[in-house]
């Protein structure tokens, strides 16, 4: 599916693994469960990564859109 708007790209990634990078440098990998127009996101099966290694397993997390700098397919 061709994404014509940014939220279309997020919708296409729903229930798929994504990498979310925050302004503070933290990275989270998990399945994109939900998002809103502010790009607040909910990840399932989330893990916090540091230098490519799993730092901790978190399960379900809510990440604020204003802290996110990047969302990419994992």
N, C-alpha and C. Protein backbone atom coordinates (compact mmCIF):
# COMPACT_ATOMS: atom_id res chain seq x y z
N UNK A 1 0.84 -1.20 0.00
CA UNK A 1 0.00 0.00 0.00
C UNK A 1 0.87 1.24 0.00
N UNK A 2 0.61 2.15 -0.92
CA UNK A 2 1.35 3.41 -1.00
C UNK A 2 0.79 4.38 0.03
N UNK A 3 1.67 4.94 0.84
CA UNK A 3 1.25 5.89 1.87
C UNK A 3 1.31 7.30 1.30
N UNK A 4 0.18 7.99 1.27
CA UNK A 4 0.17 9.34 0.73
C UNK A 4 0.25 10.39 1.83
N UNK A 5 -0.03 9.99 3.08
CA UNK A 5 0.07 10.91 4.22
C UNK A 5 0.84 10.21 5.33
N UNK A 6 1.47 10.98 6.21
CA UNK A 6 2.26 10.35 7.28
C UNK A 6 1.46 9.35 8.12
N UNK A 7 0.22 9.67 8.45
CA UNK A 7 -0.56 8.75 9.27
C UNK A 7 -0.92 7.48 8.51
N UNK A 8 -0.95 7.55 7.16
CA UNK A 8 -1.17 6.34 6.36
C UNK A 8 -0.01 5.37 6.56
N UNK A 9 1.21 5.90 6.63
CA UNK A 9 2.39 5.05 6.84
C UNK A 9 2.31 4.37 8.20
N UNK A 10 1.90 5.11 9.22
CA UNK A 10 1.75 4.51 10.55
C UNK A 10 0.65 3.46 10.54
N UNK A 11 -0.44 3.75 9.86
CA UNK A 11 -1.55 2.79 9.79
C UNK A 11 -1.09 1.49 9.13
N UNK A 12 -0.26 1.60 8.10
CA UNK A 12 0.25 0.41 7.41
C UNK A 12 1.17 -0.40 8.33
N UNK A 13 1.78 0.26 9.32
CA UNK A 13 2.70 -0.41 10.25
C UNK A 13 1.99 -0.99 11.47
N UNK A 14 0.69 -0.77 11.57
CA UNK A 14 -0.06 -1.28 12.73
C UNK A 14 0.08 -2.80 12.83
N UNK A 15 0.32 -3.29 14.05
CA UNK A 15 0.51 -4.72 14.34
C UNK A 15 1.79 -5.29 13.75
N UNK A 16 2.71 -4.42 13.31
CA UNK A 16 4.02 -4.85 12.83
C UNK A 16 5.09 -4.30 13.78
N UNK A 17 6.27 -4.90 13.73
CA UNK A 17 7.37 -4.45 14.58
C UNK A 17 7.94 -3.13 14.07
N UNK A 18 8.14 -2.20 14.99
CA UNK A 18 8.73 -0.91 14.66
C UNK A 18 9.81 -0.56 15.68
N UNK A 19 10.71 0.30 15.25
CA UNK A 19 11.71 0.89 16.14
C UNK A 19 11.29 2.33 16.36
N UNK A 20 11.23 2.74 17.62
CA UNK A 20 10.89 4.12 17.96
C UNK A 20 12.09 4.71 18.70
N UNK A 21 12.61 5.82 18.18
CA UNK A 21 13.74 6.48 18.83
C UNK A 21 13.24 7.79 19.42
N UNK A 22 13.66 8.06 20.66
CA UNK A 22 13.23 9.26 21.37
C UNK A 22 14.32 10.33 21.36
N UNK A 23 13.93 11.56 21.66
CA UNK A 23 14.87 12.68 21.71
C UNK A 23 16.00 12.44 22.69
N UNK A 24 15.74 11.68 23.76
CA UNK A 24 16.77 11.42 24.77
C UNK A 24 17.72 10.29 24.35
N UNK A 25 17.55 9.75 23.13
CA UNK A 25 18.44 8.72 22.62
C UNK A 25 17.98 7.30 22.89
N UNK A 26 16.94 7.13 23.69
CA UNK A 26 16.45 5.77 23.98
C UNK A 26 15.76 5.21 22.73
N UNK A 27 15.87 3.89 22.58
CA UNK A 27 15.21 3.18 21.48
C UNK A 27 14.30 2.11 22.04
N UNK A 28 13.12 2.01 21.45
CA UNK A 28 12.16 0.98 21.83
C UNK A 28 11.77 0.21 20.59
N UNK A 29 11.68 -1.11 20.73
CA UNK A 29 11.23 -1.96 19.64
C UNK A 29 10.00 -2.72 20.13
N UNK A 30 8.96 -2.74 19.31
CA UNK A 30 7.75 -3.45 19.68
C UNK A 30 6.75 -3.43 18.55
N UNK A 31 5.62 -4.07 18.78
CA UNK A 31 4.55 -4.07 17.78
C UNK A 31 3.69 -2.83 17.97
N UNK A 32 3.52 -2.07 16.89
CA UNK A 32 2.71 -0.86 16.95
C UNK A 32 1.25 -1.25 17.12
N UNK A 33 0.69 -0.90 18.26
CA UNK A 33 -0.70 -1.26 18.55
C UNK A 33 -1.65 -0.13 18.22
N UNK A 34 -1.28 1.09 18.62
CA UNK A 34 -2.19 2.23 18.42
C UNK A 34 -1.38 3.52 18.34
N UNK A 35 -2.00 4.55 17.74
CA UNK A 35 -1.41 5.89 17.68
C UNK A 35 -2.53 6.89 17.48
N UNK A 36 -2.21 8.17 17.73
CA UNK A 36 -3.20 9.22 17.51
C UNK A 36 -2.59 10.34 16.66
N UNK A 37 -3.33 11.43 16.48
CA UNK A 37 -2.86 12.51 15.61
C UNK A 37 -1.64 13.23 16.18
N UNK A 38 -1.37 13.06 17.47
CA UNK A 38 -0.19 13.67 18.09
C UNK A 38 1.01 12.74 18.00
N UNK A 39 0.83 11.59 17.35
CA UNK A 39 1.84 10.54 17.22
C UNK A 39 2.22 9.95 18.58
N UNK A 40 1.33 10.07 19.56
CA UNK A 40 1.48 9.26 20.77
C UNK A 40 1.30 7.83 20.30
N UNK A 41 2.16 6.92 20.74
CA UNK A 41 2.06 5.54 20.26
C UNK A 41 2.00 4.56 21.43
N UNK A 42 1.34 3.43 21.18
CA UNK A 42 1.33 2.32 22.13
C UNK A 42 2.00 1.14 21.43
N UNK A 43 3.00 0.57 22.10
CA UNK A 43 3.69 -0.61 21.60
C UNK A 43 3.38 -1.80 22.50
N UNK A 44 3.17 -2.96 21.90
CA UNK A 44 3.05 -4.23 22.62
C UNK A 44 4.39 -4.96 22.52
N UNK A 45 4.66 -5.84 23.48
CA UNK A 45 5.88 -6.63 23.48
C UNK A 45 7.11 -5.75 23.34
N UNK A 46 7.09 -4.58 24.00
CA UNK A 46 8.15 -3.59 23.83
C UNK A 46 9.41 -3.97 24.61
N UNK A 47 10.54 -3.63 23.99
CA UNK A 47 11.85 -3.78 24.62
C UNK A 47 12.59 -2.47 24.49
N UNK A 48 13.30 -2.09 25.53
CA UNK A 48 14.18 -0.93 25.44
C UNK A 48 15.54 -1.43 24.99
N UNK A 49 16.11 -0.78 24.00
CA UNK A 49 17.41 -1.20 23.47
C UNK A 49 18.44 -0.11 23.73
N UNK A 50 19.67 -0.56 23.95
CA UNK A 50 20.78 0.36 24.12
C UNK A 50 21.96 -0.23 23.36
N UNK A 51 22.49 0.51 22.40
CA UNK A 51 23.59 0.03 21.55
C UNK A 51 23.25 -1.32 20.90
N UNK A 52 21.99 -1.49 20.52
CA UNK A 52 21.57 -2.71 19.83
C UNK A 52 21.25 -3.89 20.74
N UNK A 53 21.53 -3.76 22.04
CA UNK A 53 21.28 -4.85 22.99
C UNK A 53 20.02 -4.56 23.80
N UNK A 54 19.28 -5.61 24.14
CA UNK A 54 18.08 -5.44 24.96
C UNK A 54 18.49 -5.03 26.36
N UNK A 55 17.99 -3.86 26.79
CA UNK A 55 18.28 -3.38 28.14
C UNK A 55 17.24 -3.91 29.11
N UNK A 56 15.97 -3.87 28.69
CA UNK A 56 14.89 -4.43 29.53
C UNK A 56 13.66 -4.68 28.68
N UNK A 57 12.87 -5.67 29.10
CA UNK A 57 11.60 -5.98 28.44
C UNK A 57 10.50 -5.28 29.22
N UNK A 58 9.64 -4.57 28.51
CA UNK A 58 8.65 -3.73 29.16
C UNK A 58 7.20 -4.16 28.93
N UNK A 59 6.92 -4.94 27.90
CA UNK A 59 5.54 -5.30 27.61
C UNK A 59 4.83 -4.18 26.87
N UNK A 60 3.74 -3.67 27.44
CA UNK A 60 2.98 -2.59 26.81
C UNK A 60 3.52 -1.24 27.28
N UNK A 61 3.84 -0.36 26.32
CA UNK A 61 4.32 0.99 26.67
C UNK A 61 3.56 2.04 25.88
N UNK A 62 3.43 3.20 26.48
CA UNK A 62 2.86 4.39 25.84
C UNK A 62 3.99 5.39 25.69
N UNK A 63 4.24 5.87 24.47
CA UNK A 63 5.30 6.84 24.22
C UNK A 63 4.68 8.13 23.71
N UNK A 64 5.05 9.24 24.33
CA UNK A 64 4.50 10.54 23.94
C UNK A 64 5.05 10.99 22.60
N UNK A 65 4.16 11.47 21.76
CA UNK A 65 4.56 11.90 20.43
C UNK A 65 5.59 13.00 20.41
N UNK A 66 5.53 13.93 21.38
CA UNK A 66 6.49 15.05 21.35
C UNK A 66 7.90 14.63 21.74
N UNK A 67 8.08 13.39 22.22
CA UNK A 67 9.41 12.88 22.56
C UNK A 67 10.01 12.03 21.45
N UNK A 68 9.20 11.71 20.42
CA UNK A 68 9.62 10.79 19.35
C UNK A 68 10.30 11.56 18.23
N UNK A 69 11.46 11.05 17.78
CA UNK A 69 12.10 11.64 16.61
C UNK A 69 12.06 10.72 15.40
N UNK A 70 11.81 9.41 15.62
CA UNK A 70 11.87 8.46 14.53
C UNK A 70 11.00 7.24 14.81
N UNK A 71 10.26 6.82 13.79
CA UNK A 71 9.55 5.53 13.83
C UNK A 71 9.89 4.82 12.52
N UNK A 72 10.43 3.60 12.65
CA UNK A 72 10.89 2.89 11.46
C UNK A 72 10.49 1.42 11.56
N UNK A 73 10.24 0.76 10.40
CA UNK A 73 9.99 -0.68 10.45
C UNK A 73 11.20 -1.39 11.04
N UNK A 74 10.98 -2.39 11.89
CA UNK A 74 12.08 -3.11 12.52
C UNK A 74 12.57 -4.23 11.63
